[in-house]
Amino acid sequence: ALNCFRRAGERPVPPVNVVGDMGGGG
């Protein structure tokens, strides 16, 4: 998932901790 959070040619930007901890976890 992290690799998807970026524009072309830029490094990934973590979407705070909502995708793993909260959505994927809690």
PDB file of all heavy atoms in Angstrom:
ATOM      1  N   ALA A   1       0.813  -1.215   0.000  1.00  0.00           N
ATOM      2  CA  ALA A   1       0.000   0.000   0.000  1.00  0.00           C
ATOM      3  C   ALA A   1       0.848   1.267   0.000  1.00  0.00           C
ATOM      4  O   ALA A   1       0.539   2.224  -0.706  1.00  0.00           O
ATOM      5  CB  ALA A   1      -0.934  -0.005   1.209  1.00  0.00           C
ATOM      6  N   LEU A   2       1.908   1.294   0.798  1.00  0.00           N
ATOM      7  CA  LEU A   2       2.706   2.516   0.923  1.00  0.00           C
ATOM      8  C   LEU A   2       3.248   2.975  -0.420  1.00  0.00           C
ATOM      9  O   LEU A   2       3.303   4.177  -0.703  1.00  0.00           O
ATOM     10  CB  LEU A   2       3.854   2.296   1.917  1.00  0.00           C
ATOM     11  CG  LEU A   2       4.788   3.490   2.162  1.00  0.00           C
ATOM     12  CD1 LEU A   2       4.016   4.707   2.640  1.00  0.00           C
ATOM     13  CD2 LEU A   2       5.874   3.126   3.171  1.00  0.00           C
ATOM     14  N   ASN A   3       3.632   2.040  -1.260  1.00  0.00           N
ATOM     15  CA  ASN A   3       4.176   2.405  -2.563  1.00  0.00           C
ATOM     16  C   ASN A   3       3.174   3.155  -3.426  1.00  0.00           C
ATOM     17  O   ASN A   3       3.555   3.891  -4.343  1.00  0.00           O
ATOM     18  CB  ASN A   3       4.643   1.152  -3.304  1.00  0.00           C
ATOM     19  CG  ASN A   3       5.448   1.482  -4.541  1.00  0.00           C
ATOM     20  OD1 ASN A   3       6.449   2.198  -4.476  1.00  0.00           O
ATOM     21  ND2 ASN A   3       5.013   0.981  -5.685  1.00  0.00           N
ATOM     22  N   CYS A   4       1.887   3.002  -3.133  1.00  0.00           N
ATOM     23  CA  CYS A   4       0.846   3.680  -3.928  1.00  0.00           C
ATOM     24  C   CYS A   4       0.654   5.134  -3.523  1.00  0.00           C
ATOM     25  O   CYS A   4       0.042   5.898  -4.270  1.00  0.00           O
ATOM     26  CB  CYS A   4      -0.485   2.935  -3.778  1.00  0.00           C
ATOM     27  SG  CYS A   4      -0.455   1.242  -4.408  1.00  0.00           S
ATOM     28  N   PHE A   5       1.137   5.506  -2.336  1.00  0.00           N
ATOM     29  CA  PHE A   5       0.900   6.860  -1.839  1.00  0.00           C
ATOM     30  C   PHE A   5       2.021   7.805  -2.256  1.00  0.00           C
ATOM     31  O   PHE A   5       2.822   8.277  -1.450  1.00  0.00           O
ATOM     32  CB  PHE A   5       0.760   6.858  -0.312  1.00  0.00           C
ATOM     33  CG  PHE A   5      -0.389   6.025   0.179  1.00  0.00           C
ATOM     34  CD1 PHE A   5      -0.196   5.049   1.139  1.00  0.00           C
ATOM     35  CD2 PHE A   5      -1.668   6.203  -0.327  1.00  0.00           C
ATOM     36  CE1 PHE A   5      -1.249   4.277   1.589  1.00  0.00           C
ATOM     37  CE2 PHE A   5      -2.724   5.432   0.110  1.00  0.00           C
ATOM     38  CZ  PHE A   5      -2.511   4.469   1.073  1.00  0.00           C
ATOM     39  N   ARG A   6       2.092   8.037  -3.562  1.00  0.00           N
ATOM     40  CA  ARG A   6       3.095   8.969  -4.069  1.00  0.00           C
ATOM     41  C   ARG A   6       2.741   9.379  -5.493  1.00  0.00           C
ATOM     42  O   ARG A   6       2.051   8.667  -6.217  1.00  0.00           O
ATOM     43  CB  ARG A   6       4.478   8.344  -4.030  1.00  0.00           C
ATOM     44  CG  ARG A   6       4.619   7.047  -4.826  1.00  0.00           C
ATOM     45  CD  ARG A   6       6.073   6.679  -4.942  1.00  0.00           C
ATOM     46  NE  ARG A   6       6.270   5.314  -5.378  1.00  0.00           N
ATOM     47  CZ  ARG A   6       7.412   4.887  -5.926  1.00  0.00           C
ATOM     48  NH1 ARG A   6       8.402   5.731  -6.111  1.00  0.00           N
ATOM     49  NH2 ARG A   6       7.540   3.623  -6.289  1.00  0.00           N
ATOM     50  N   ARG A   7       3.261  10.532  -5.864  1.00  0.00           N
ATOM     51  CA  ARG A   7       3.152  10.966  -7.250  1.00  0.00           C
ATOM     52  C   ARG A   7       4.301  10.361  -8.051  1.00  0.00           C
ATOM     53  O   ARG A   7       5.293   9.906  -7.493  1.00  0.00           O
ATOM     54  CB  ARG A   7       3.186  12.495  -7.333  1.00  0.00           C
ATOM     55  CG  ARG A   7       1.930  13.158  -6.782  1.00  0.00           C
ATOM     56  CD  ARG A   7       2.007  14.671  -6.938  1.00  0.00           C
ATOM     57  NE  ARG A   7       0.733  15.277  -6.624  1.00  0.00           N
ATOM     58  CZ  ARG A   7       0.296  15.539  -5.392  1.00  0.00           C
ATOM     59  NH1 ARG A   7       1.075  15.224  -4.346  1.00  0.00           N
ATOM     60  NH2 ARG A   7      -0.873  16.093  -5.191  1.00  0.00           N
ATOM     61  N   ALA A   8       4.153  10.366  -9.362  1.00  0.00           N
ATOM     62  CA  ALA A   8       5.170   9.784 -10.236  1.00  0.00           C
ATOM     63  C   ALA A   8       6.522  10.443  -9.978  1.00  0.00           C
ATOM     64  O   ALA A   8       6.633  11.670  -9.925  1.00  0.00           O
ATOM     65  CB  ALA A   8       4.764   9.963 -11.697  1.00  0.00           C
ATOM     66  N   GLY A   9       7.523   9.622  -9.791  1.00  0.00           N
ATOM     67  CA  GLY A   9       8.872  10.135  -9.602  1.00  0.00           C
ATOM     68  C   GLY A   9       9.196  10.599  -8.202  1.00  0.00           C
ATOM     69  O   GLY A   9      10.319  11.051  -7.945  1.00  0.00           O
ATOM     70  N   GLU A  10       8.249  10.516  -7.274  1.00  0.00           N
ATOM     71  CA  GLU A  10       8.479  10.968  -5.909  1.00  0.00           C
ATOM     72  C   GLU A  10       8.484   9.776  -4.951  1.00  0.00           C
ATOM     73  O   GLU A  10       7.996   8.702  -5.272  1.00  0.00           O
ATOM     74  CB  GLU A  10       7.416  11.982  -5.497  1.00  0.00           C
ATOM     75  CG  GLU A  10       7.421  13.243  -6.338  1.00  0.00           C
ATOM     76  CD  GLU A  10       6.417  14.276  -5.845  1.00  0.00           C
ATOM     77  OE1 GLU A  10       5.827  14.071  -4.762  1.00  0.00           O
ATOM     78  OE2 GLU A  10       6.228  15.292  -6.549  1.00  0.00           O
ATOM     79  N   ARG A  11       9.020   9.991  -3.745  1.00  0.00           N
ATOM     80  CA  ARG A  11       9.063   8.920  -2.768  1.00  0.00           C
ATOM     81  C   ARG A  11       7.700   8.773  -2.081  1.00  0.00           C
ATOM     82  O   ARG A  11       6.927   9.736  -2.011  1.00  0.00           O
ATOM     83  CB  ARG A  11      10.145   9.180  -1.720  1.00  0.00           C
ATOM     84  CG  ARG A  11       9.927  10.434  -0.896  1.00  0.00           C
ATOM     85  CD  ARG A  11      11.046  10.597   0.120  1.00  0.00           C
ATOM     86  NE  ARG A  11      10.864  11.821   0.904  1.00  0.00           N
ATOM     87  CZ  ARG A  11      11.632  12.166   1.924  1.00  0.00           C
ATOM     88  NH1 ARG A  11      12.623  11.382   2.293  1.00  0.00           N
ATOM     89  NH2 ARG A  11      11.417  13.285   2.575  1.00  0.00           N
ATOM     90  N   PRO A  12       7.391   7.595  -1.548  1.00  0.00           N
ATOM     91  CA  PRO A  12       6.105   7.398  -0.869  1.00  0.00           C
ATOM     92  C   PRO A  12       5.974   8.301   0.355  1.00  0.00           C
ATOM     93  O   PRO A  12       6.955   8.607   1.030  1.00  0.00           O
ATOM     94  CB  PRO A  12       6.157   5.921  -0.458  1.00  0.00           C
ATOM     95  CG  PRO A  12       7.136   5.292  -1.389  1.00  0.00           C
ATOM     96  CD  PRO A  12       8.169   6.350  -1.661  1.00  0.00           C
ATOM     97  N   VAL A  13       4.732   8.702   0.642  1.00  0.00           N
ATOM     98  CA  VAL A  13       4.432   9.533   1.807  1.00  0.00           C
ATOM     99  C   VAL A  13       3.497   8.745   2.731  1.00  0.00           C
ATOM    100  O   VAL A  13       2.388   8.400   2.331  1.00  0.00           O
ATOM    101  CB  VAL A  13       3.755  10.857   1.396  1.00  0.00           C
ATOM    102  CG1 VAL A  13       3.395  11.669   2.637  1.00  0.00           C
ATOM    103  CG2 VAL A  13       4.685  11.665   0.495  1.00  0.00           C
ATOM    104  N   PRO A  14       3.915   8.427   3.959  1.00  0.00           N
ATOM    105  CA  PRO A  14       3.049   7.673   4.866  1.00  0.00           C
ATOM    106  C   PRO A  14       1.756   8.429   5.168  1.00  0.00           C
ATOM    107  O   PRO A  14       1.800   9.603   5.522  1.00  0.00           O
ATOM    108  CB  PRO A  14       3.902   7.535   6.140  1.00  0.00           C
ATOM    109  CG  PRO A  14       5.308   7.768   5.689  1.00  0.00           C
ATOM    110  CD  PRO A  14       5.219   8.751   4.554  1.00  0.00           C
ATOM    111  N   PRO A  15       0.595   7.794   5.026  1.00  0.00           N
ATOM    112  CA  PRO A  15      -0.696   8.447   5.297  1.00  0.00           C
ATOM    113  C   PRO A  15      -1.028   8.434   6.792  1.00  0.00           C
ATOM    114  O   PRO A  15      -2.012   7.854   7.217  1.00  0.00           O
ATOM    115  CB  PRO A  15      -1.675   7.614   4.495  1.00  0.00           C
ATOM    116  CG  PRO A  15      -1.085   6.240   4.527  1.00  0.00           C
ATOM    117  CD  PRO A  15       0.405   6.429   4.502  1.00  0.00           C
ATOM    118  N   VAL A  16      -0.182   9.107   7.583  1.00  0.00           N
ATOM    119  CA  VAL A  16      -0.278   9.067   9.045  1.00  0.00           C
ATOM    120  C   VAL A  16      -0.300   7.579   9.451  1.00  0.00           C
ATOM    121  O   VAL A  16       0.442   6.783   8.889  1.00  0.00           O
ATOM    122  CB  VAL A  16      -1.501   9.864   9.560  1.00  0.00           C
ATOM    123  CG1 VAL A  16      -1.298  10.253  11.029  1.00  0.00           C
ATOM    124  CG2 VAL A  16      -1.714  11.144   8.755  1.00  0.00           C
ATOM    125  N   ASN A  17      -1.131   7.173  10.398  1.00  0.00           N
ATOM    126  CA  ASN A  17      -1.174   5.745  10.746  1.00  0.00           C
ATOM    127  C   ASN A  17      -2.601   5.205  10.645  1.00  0.00           C
ATOM    128  O   ASN A  17      -3.019   4.369  11.424  1.00  0.00           O
ATOM    129  CB  ASN A  17      -0.626   5.503  12.157  1.00  0.00           C
ATOM    130  CG  ASN A  17      -1.498   6.101  13.245  1.00  0.00           C
ATOM    131  OD1 ASN A  17      -2.124   7.133  13.041  1.00  0.00           O
ATOM    132  ND2 ASN A  17      -1.545   5.471  14.399  1.00  0.00           N
ATOM    133  N   VAL A  18      -3.329   5.712   9.642  1.00  0.00           N
ATOM    134  CA  VAL A  18      -4.732   5.320   9.541  1.00  0.00           C
ATOM    135  C   VAL A  18      -4.953   4.054   8.722  1.00  0.00           C
ATOM    136  O   VAL A  18      -5.921   3.328   8.949  1.00  0.00           O
ATOM    137  CB  VAL A  18      -5.588   6.475   8.948  1.00  0.00           C
ATOM    138  CG1 VAL A  18      -5.544   7.682   9.863  1.00  0.00           C
ATOM    139  CG2 VAL A  18      -5.103   6.861   7.557  1.00  0.00           C
ATOM    140  N   VAL A  19      -4.080   3.743   7.790  1.00  0.00           N
ATOM    141  CA  VAL A  19      -4.310   2.597   6.904  1.00  0.00           C
ATOM    142  C   VAL A  19      -3.962   1.280   7.590  1.00  0.00           C
ATOM    143  O   VAL A  19      -4.694   0.297   7.495  1.00  0.00           O
ATOM    144  CB  VAL A  19      -3.516   2.743   5.596  1.00  0.00           C
ATOM    145  CG1 VAL A  19      -3.681   1.504   4.706  1.00  0.00           C
ATOM    146  CG2 VAL A  19      -3.961   3.990   4.841  1.00  0.00           C
ATOM    147  N   GLY A  20      -2.855   1.246   8.307  1.00  0.00           N
ATOM    148  CA  GLY A  20      -2.454   0.023   8.989  1.00  0.00           C
ATOM    149  C   GLY A  20      -3.067  -0.113  10.360  1.00  0.00           C
ATOM    150  O   GLY A  20      -3.811  -1.056  10.636  1.00  0.00           O
ATOM    151  N   ASP A  21      -2.790   0.830  11.240  1.00  0.00           N
ATOM    152  CA  ASP A  21      -3.265   0.743  12.621  1.00  0.00           C
ATOM    153  C   ASP A  21      -4.783   0.789  12.723  1.00  0.00           C
ATOM    154  O   ASP A  21      -5.396  -0.063  13.370  1.00  0.00           O
ATOM    155  CB  ASP A  21      -2.692   1.891  13.453  1.00  0.00           C
ATOM    156  CG  ASP A  21      -1.267   1.625  13.894  1.00  0.00           C
ATOM    157  OD1 ASP A  21      -0.764   0.523  13.651  1.00  0.00           O
ATOM    158  OD2 ASP A  21      -0.650   2.530  14.474  1.00  0.00           O
ATOM    159  N   MET A  22      -5.389   1.786  12.135  1.00  0.00           N
ATOM    160  CA  MET A  22      -6.811   2.029  12.362  1.00  0.00           C
ATOM    161  C   MET A  22      -7.709   1.256  11.403  1.00  0.00           C
ATOM    162  O   MET A  22      -8.594   0.505  11.823  1.00  0.00           O
ATOM    163  CB  MET A  22      -7.104   3.529  12.280  1.00  0.00           C
ATOM    164  CG  MET A  22      -6.207   4.369  13.185  1.00  0.00           C
ATOM    165  SD  MET A  22      -6.144   3.763  14.899  1.00  0.00           S
ATOM    166  CE  MET A  22      -4.737   4.678  15.523  1.00  0.00           C
ATOM    167  N   GLY A  23      -7.508   1.418  10.101  1.00  0.00           N
ATOM    168  CA  GLY A  23      -8.344   0.709   9.137  1.00  0.00           C
ATOM    169  C   GLY A  23      -8.017  -0.772   9.058  1.00  0.00           C
ATOM    170  O   GLY A  23      -8.893  -1.631   9.176  1.00  0.00           O
ATOM    171  N   GLY A  24      -6.730  -1.095   8.857  1.00  0.00           N
ATOM    172  CA  GLY A  24      -6.329  -2.486   8.732  1.00  0.00           C
ATOM    173  C   GLY A  24      -6.265  -3.221  10.051  1.00  0.00           C
ATOM    174  O   GLY A  24      -6.284  -4.448  10.075  1.00  0.00           O
ATOM    175  N   GLY A  25      -6.191  -2.467  11.157  1.00  0.00           N
ATOM    176  CA  GLY A  25      -6.089  -3.082  12.467  1.00  0.00           C
ATOM    177  C   GLY A  25      -7.348  -2.975  13.287  1.00  0.00           C
ATOM    178  O   GLY A  25      -8.105  -3.930  13.434  1.00  0.00           O
ATOM    179  N   GLY A  26      -7.597  -1.789  13.854  1.00  0.00           N
ATOM    180  CA  GLY A  26      -8.711  -1.615  14.784  1.00  0.00           C
ATOM    181  C   GLY A  26     -10.069  -1.934  14.189  1.00  0.00           C
ATOM    182  O   GLY A  26     -10.891  -2.606  14.829  1.00  0.00           O
TER     183      GLY A  26
END
